[in-house]
Amino acid sequence: MNLPEKRILTRIPLGEVPRGAVMLVWRGQRIMIESLRDISNSGISFSLNEQVGVSERISIEYNDSNVRLEVFGRVAWCGKSQSAASEKQHPGAFLMGVELMSPMMLFAVLPKG
């Protein structure tokens, strides 16, 4: 998926997290985020295997042995992933961008790339 760059805030690449440590919560479902991409002062982008509608209210949960964190937001964009070389690092059928209410709380606990 090639979206035109609209952010004016710096994106920070994220590192690997243990499988299942980051979940999207939407309409009572917990959906595993396949791969984190980046985070900024306004939101986060990632890959997953479910399509979620734009403007849907969601939350993102992070759990590890020391921290449990839930942040709230809304889907800014979601589209099918293309098999471009750059997307091979981020498996998942869909790419999603989420505008978060408290992105820096999540930023504090996620590994940076």
Protein backbone atom coordinates (compact mmCIF):
# COMPACT_ATOMS: atom_id res chain seq x y z
CA MET A 1 0.00 0.00 0.00
CA ASN A 2 1.51 3.30 -1.02
CA LEU A 3 -0.16 6.22 0.72
CA PRO A 4 0.93 9.79 0.13
CA GLU A 5 2.89 11.16 3.07
CA LYS A 6 0.62 13.46 5.07
CA ARG A 7 2.31 13.56 8.48
CA ILE A 8 4.37 16.55 9.39
CA LEU A 9 5.53 14.93 12.64
CA THR A 10 8.62 12.73 12.69
CA ARG A 11 7.98 8.98 12.53
CA ILE A 12 10.15 6.76 14.72
CA PRO A 13 10.64 3.17 13.51
CA LEU A 14 9.69 0.53 16.08
CA GLY A 15 11.56 -2.67 16.87
CA GLU A 16 10.29 -6.20 17.29
CA VAL A 17 7.96 -7.09 20.14
CA PRO A 18 7.07 -10.61 21.28
CA ARG A 19 4.20 -12.14 19.29
CA GLY A 20 0.92 -11.39 21.03
CA ALA A 21 2.31 -8.56 23.17
CA VAL A 22 0.42 -5.87 21.20
CA MET A 23 -3.30 -6.28 20.50
CA LEU A 24 -5.91 -4.12 18.81
CA VAL A 25 -9.25 -4.08 20.64
CA TRP A 26 -12.21 -3.36 18.37
CA ARG A 27 -15.91 -4.09 18.97
CA GLY A 28 -15.08 -6.48 21.79
CA GLN A 29 -12.54 -8.45 19.71
CA ARG A 30 -8.85 -8.68 20.54
CA ILE A 31 -6.86 -8.83 17.28
CA MET A 32 -3.15 -9.56 17.28
CA ILE A 33 -1.05 -6.87 15.61
CA GLU A 34 1.27 -8.70 13.24
CA SER A 35 4.02 -6.12 12.99
CA LEU A 36 4.62 -2.61 14.31
CA ARG A 37 5.89 -0.06 11.80
CA ASP A 38 6.38 3.35 13.40
CA ILE A 39 5.08 5.82 15.95
CA SER A 40 4.90 9.62 16.12
CA ASN A 41 3.56 12.27 18.51
CA SER A 42 0.09 11.72 17.04
CA GLY A 43 -0.23 8.01 16.30
CA ILE A 44 1.08 4.60 15.29
CA SER A 45 1.06 2.40 12.18
CA PHE A 46 1.16 -1.37 11.99
CA SER A 47 0.14 -4.49 10.03
CA LEU A 48 -2.63 -6.89 10.92
CA ASN A 49 -4.81 -9.52 9.27
CA GLU A 50 -8.19 -7.81 9.78
CA GLN A 51 -9.64 -4.77 8.04
CA VAL A 52 -11.07 -2.10 10.34
CA GLY A 53 -13.10 0.85 9.08
CA VAL A 54 -11.76 4.39 9.07
CA SER A 55 -12.90 6.49 12.06
CA GLU A 56 -13.66 3.38 14.17
CA ARG A 57 -12.79 3.85 17.84
CA ILE A 58 -10.26 1.28 19.03
CA SER A 59 -7.75 0.68 21.78
CA ILE A 60 -4.29 -0.84 21.68
CA GLU A 61 -3.11 -3.07 24.51
CA TYR A 62 0.53 -3.73 25.33
CA ASN A 63 1.41 -6.51 27.76
CA ASP A 64 4.75 -7.85 28.91
CA SER A 65 6.00 -9.30 32.17
CA ASN A 66 6.35 -5.83 33.76
CA VAL A 67 3.80 -3.56 32.09
CA ARG A 68 0.16 -3.63 31.03
CA LEU A 69 -0.93 -0.57 29.10
CA GLU A 70 -4.04 0.34 27.11
CA VAL A 71 -4.26 3.47 24.94
CA PHE A 72 -7.29 4.68 23.02
CA GLY A 73 -7.62 6.11 19.53
CA ARG A 74 -9.39 6.05 16.18
CA VAL A 75 -8.49 4.49 12.85
CA ALA A 76 -7.07 7.19 10.55
CA TRP A 77 -6.55 4.89 7.56
CA CYS A 78 -6.59 1.18 6.71
CA GLY A 79 -5.83 -0.50 3.39
CA LYS A 80 -4.63 -3.71 1.78
CA SER A 81 -0.92 -4.37 2.01
CA GLN A 82 0.97 -4.73 -1.26
CA SER A 83 3.84 -7.16 -1.67
CA ALA A 84 6.45 -4.44 -2.25
CA ALA A 85 9.92 -5.18 -0.93
CA SER A 86 9.48 -2.70 1.90
CA GLU A 87 6.30 -4.45 3.07
CA LYS A 88 8.02 -7.83 3.43
CA GLN A 89 9.37 -6.59 6.76
CA HIS A 90 5.79 -5.97 7.92
CA PRO A 91 3.66 -9.07 7.24
CA GLY A 92 -0.12 -8.79 7.45
CA ALA A 93 -2.93 -8.42 4.97
CA PHE A 94 -3.69 -4.81 5.95
CA LEU A 95 -1.73 -1.72 6.92
CA MET A 96 -3.34 0.60 9.44
CA GLY A 97 -2.68 4.03 10.89
CA VAL A 98 -4.23 4.97 14.22
CA GLU A 99 -4.50 8.42 15.76
CA LEU A 100 -3.87 7.88 19.48
CA MET A 101 -5.08 9.92 22.44
CA SER A 102 -1.81 9.22 24.37
CA PRO A 103 0.84 8.01 21.90
CA MET A 104 3.75 8.88 24.18
CA MET A 105 2.56 6.43 26.85
CA LEU A 106 2.84 3.66 24.25
CA PHE A 107 6.08 5.08 22.87
CA ALA A 108 7.65 4.83 26.33
CA VAL A 109 7.22 1.04 26.53
CA LEU A 110 7.78 -0.08 22.90
CA PRO A 111 11.24 -1.00 21.59
CA LYS A 112 12.64 1.47 19.05
CA GLY A 113 13.96 0.16 15.70
